[in-house]
Protein backbone atom coordinates (compact mmCIF):
# COMPACT_ATOMS: atom_id res chain seq x y z
CA MET A 1 112.58 64.36 93.78
CA ARG A 2 111.34 63.62 90.30
CA ILE A 3 110.25 66.35 87.91
CA GLU A 4 106.84 65.69 86.33
CA GLU A 5 104.76 67.44 83.69
CA VAL A 6 101.55 69.09 84.89
CA THR A 7 98.90 71.23 83.24
CA LEU A 8 97.51 74.31 84.96
CA LEU A 9 94.01 75.48 84.05
CA THR A 10 93.21 79.16 84.36
CA ILE A 11 89.46 79.63 84.10
CA LEU A 12 87.63 82.74 83.02
CA GLU A 13 84.12 82.45 84.41
CA GLY A 14 81.02 84.43 83.66
CA GLN A 15 81.88 85.39 80.10
CA LYS A 16 79.11 87.38 78.43
CA ASP A 17 78.13 87.77 74.80
CA ALA A 18 77.51 91.14 73.06
CA ASP A 19 73.94 91.21 74.45
CA GLY A 20 75.11 90.61 78.04
CA PHE A 21 73.98 86.98 78.27
CA ASP A 22 76.16 84.50 80.15
CA ILE A 23 77.93 82.17 77.70
CA GLY A 24 79.88 80.20 80.30
CA GLY A 25 83.59 80.12 80.88
CA GLU A 26 86.72 78.95 79.18
CA ALA A 27 89.84 77.23 80.48
CA ILE A 28 93.32 78.16 79.27
CA GLU A 29 95.92 75.37 79.55
CA THR A 30 99.55 75.97 80.53
CA GLU A 31 101.92 73.00 80.64
CA LEU A 32 104.96 73.16 82.90
CA SER A 33 107.31 71.08 85.01
CA ALA A 34 106.60 70.45 88.68
CA THR A 35 107.84 68.35 91.56
CA GLU A 36 105.47 66.31 93.73
CA MET A 37 106.05 67.03 97.41
CA SER A 38 105.07 65.16 100.54
CA VAL A 39 101.87 66.41 102.14
CA LYS A 40 102.75 67.31 105.74
CA VAL A 41 100.49 66.94 108.75
CA SER A 42 100.39 70.74 109.04
CA ASP A 43 99.16 70.93 105.41
CA ARG A 44 96.36 68.45 106.15
CA ILE A 45 95.34 70.29 109.32
CA ALA A 46 95.26 73.64 107.50
CA GLY A 47 93.07 72.16 104.75
CA GLU A 48 90.72 70.46 107.19
CA HIS A 49 90.40 73.72 109.12
CA GLU A 50 89.16 75.35 105.89
CA GLY A 51 86.85 72.41 105.11
CA TRP A 52 88.77 70.59 102.36
CA LYS A 53 91.14 67.62 102.10
CA VAL A 54 94.71 68.12 100.86
CA SER A 55 95.32 65.28 98.40
CA LEU A 56 98.35 66.62 96.49
CA LYS A 57 101.19 69.09 96.99
CA MET A 58 103.23 70.25 93.99
CA ALA A 59 106.11 72.71 93.65
CA VAL A 60 106.53 74.80 90.50
CA ASP A 61 108.95 77.57 89.64
CA ILE A 62 107.46 80.98 90.53
CA ASP A 63 108.18 82.43 87.08
CA ASP A 64 106.63 79.41 85.35
CA TYR A 65 103.55 79.65 87.60
CA GLU A 66 103.08 83.31 86.74
CA THR A 67 103.08 82.52 82.98
CA ALA A 68 99.72 80.78 83.60
CA PHE A 69 98.09 84.05 84.78
CA ILE A 70 95.69 85.62 82.30
CA MET A 71 93.86 88.92 82.30
CA ASP A 72 90.09 89.08 82.64
CA SER A 73 87.91 91.47 80.67
CA LYS A 74 88.60 94.22 83.23
CA GLY A 75 92.40 93.82 82.98
CA ARG A 76 92.77 92.03 86.33
CA PRO A 77 95.10 89.01 86.59
CA VAL A 78 93.44 85.62 87.10
CA ARG A 79 95.61 82.90 88.63
CA PRO A 80 95.34 79.19 87.77
CA GLN A 81 92.55 77.44 89.67
CA LYS A 82 93.10 73.84 88.60
CA LEU A 83 95.95 71.43 87.99
CA ILE A 84 95.97 68.18 86.00
CA TYR A 85 98.52 65.59 87.12
CA LYS A 86 98.66 62.00 85.83
CA GLY A 87 95.21 62.43 84.30
CA VAL A 88 93.54 63.55 87.56
CA GLU A 89 92.12 67.05 88.04
CA TYR A 90 92.70 68.98 91.25
CA PHE A 91 91.57 72.35 92.57
CA ILE A 92 94.52 74.54 93.59
CA LYS A 93 93.32 75.58 97.03
CA ASP A 94 96.32 77.28 98.57
CA PRO A 95 99.29 78.52 96.51
CA VAL A 96 102.18 79.47 98.82
CA LYS A 97 105.26 81.36 97.63
CA ASN A 98 108.55 79.95 98.96
CA LEU A 99 111.18 82.63 98.35
CA GLU A 100 114.04 80.43 99.58
CA THR A 101 113.49 77.89 96.79
CA HIS A 102 111.90 80.33 94.28
CA GLU A 103 108.89 77.99 94.03
CA MET A 104 105.14 78.12 94.42
CA GLU A 105 103.92 75.27 96.59
CA LEU A 106 100.43 74.30 95.45
CA LEU A 107 98.15 72.56 97.95
CA CYS A 108 95.47 70.78 95.96
CA THR A 109 92.28 68.82 96.50
CA GLU A 110 90.90 66.32 94.00
CA VAL A 111 88.04 67.54 91.81
CA GLU A 112 84.86 65.49 92.07
CA GLY A 113 82.06 65.88 89.53
CA TRP A 114 83.85 68.67 87.65
CA GLN A 115 82.20 69.63 84.38
CA SER A 116 84.44 70.32 81.44
CA LEU A 117 84.94 73.80 80.08
CA PRO A 118 86.17 74.44 76.54
CA VAL A 119 89.97 74.41 76.59
CA ILE A 120 91.94 76.92 74.55
CA SER A 121 95.57 76.02 73.94
CA PRO A 122 98.02 78.92 73.84
CA GLN A 123 98.95 80.08 70.36
CA THR A 124 102.58 79.96 69.39
CA SER A 125 104.05 82.69 67.26
């Protein structure tokens, strides 16, 4: 299997200004290495049962995946919701932890009609 670069997007939705008005969300990018996996029939059936089509399956290291978590304004962790791979955006629909391989297997469906959010790159110290 070939290791590829992907970008995870963690989105904070419903941000409010000082007066309590909705100012939209922001997306935080995290770049990491991943391996494209074969989508199995059982993956497709599980997705169809939930009403969505599995179009991509990626495996990322559990520790790397967890670096993409951010805290919301109430201190709760928010996991990545989207993945960009080869210029295509996908919703991460079903992240599954595989303890044998120490990987998160991400079942994804292609985003259609997604509107861009402002992207904030992580600051390096």
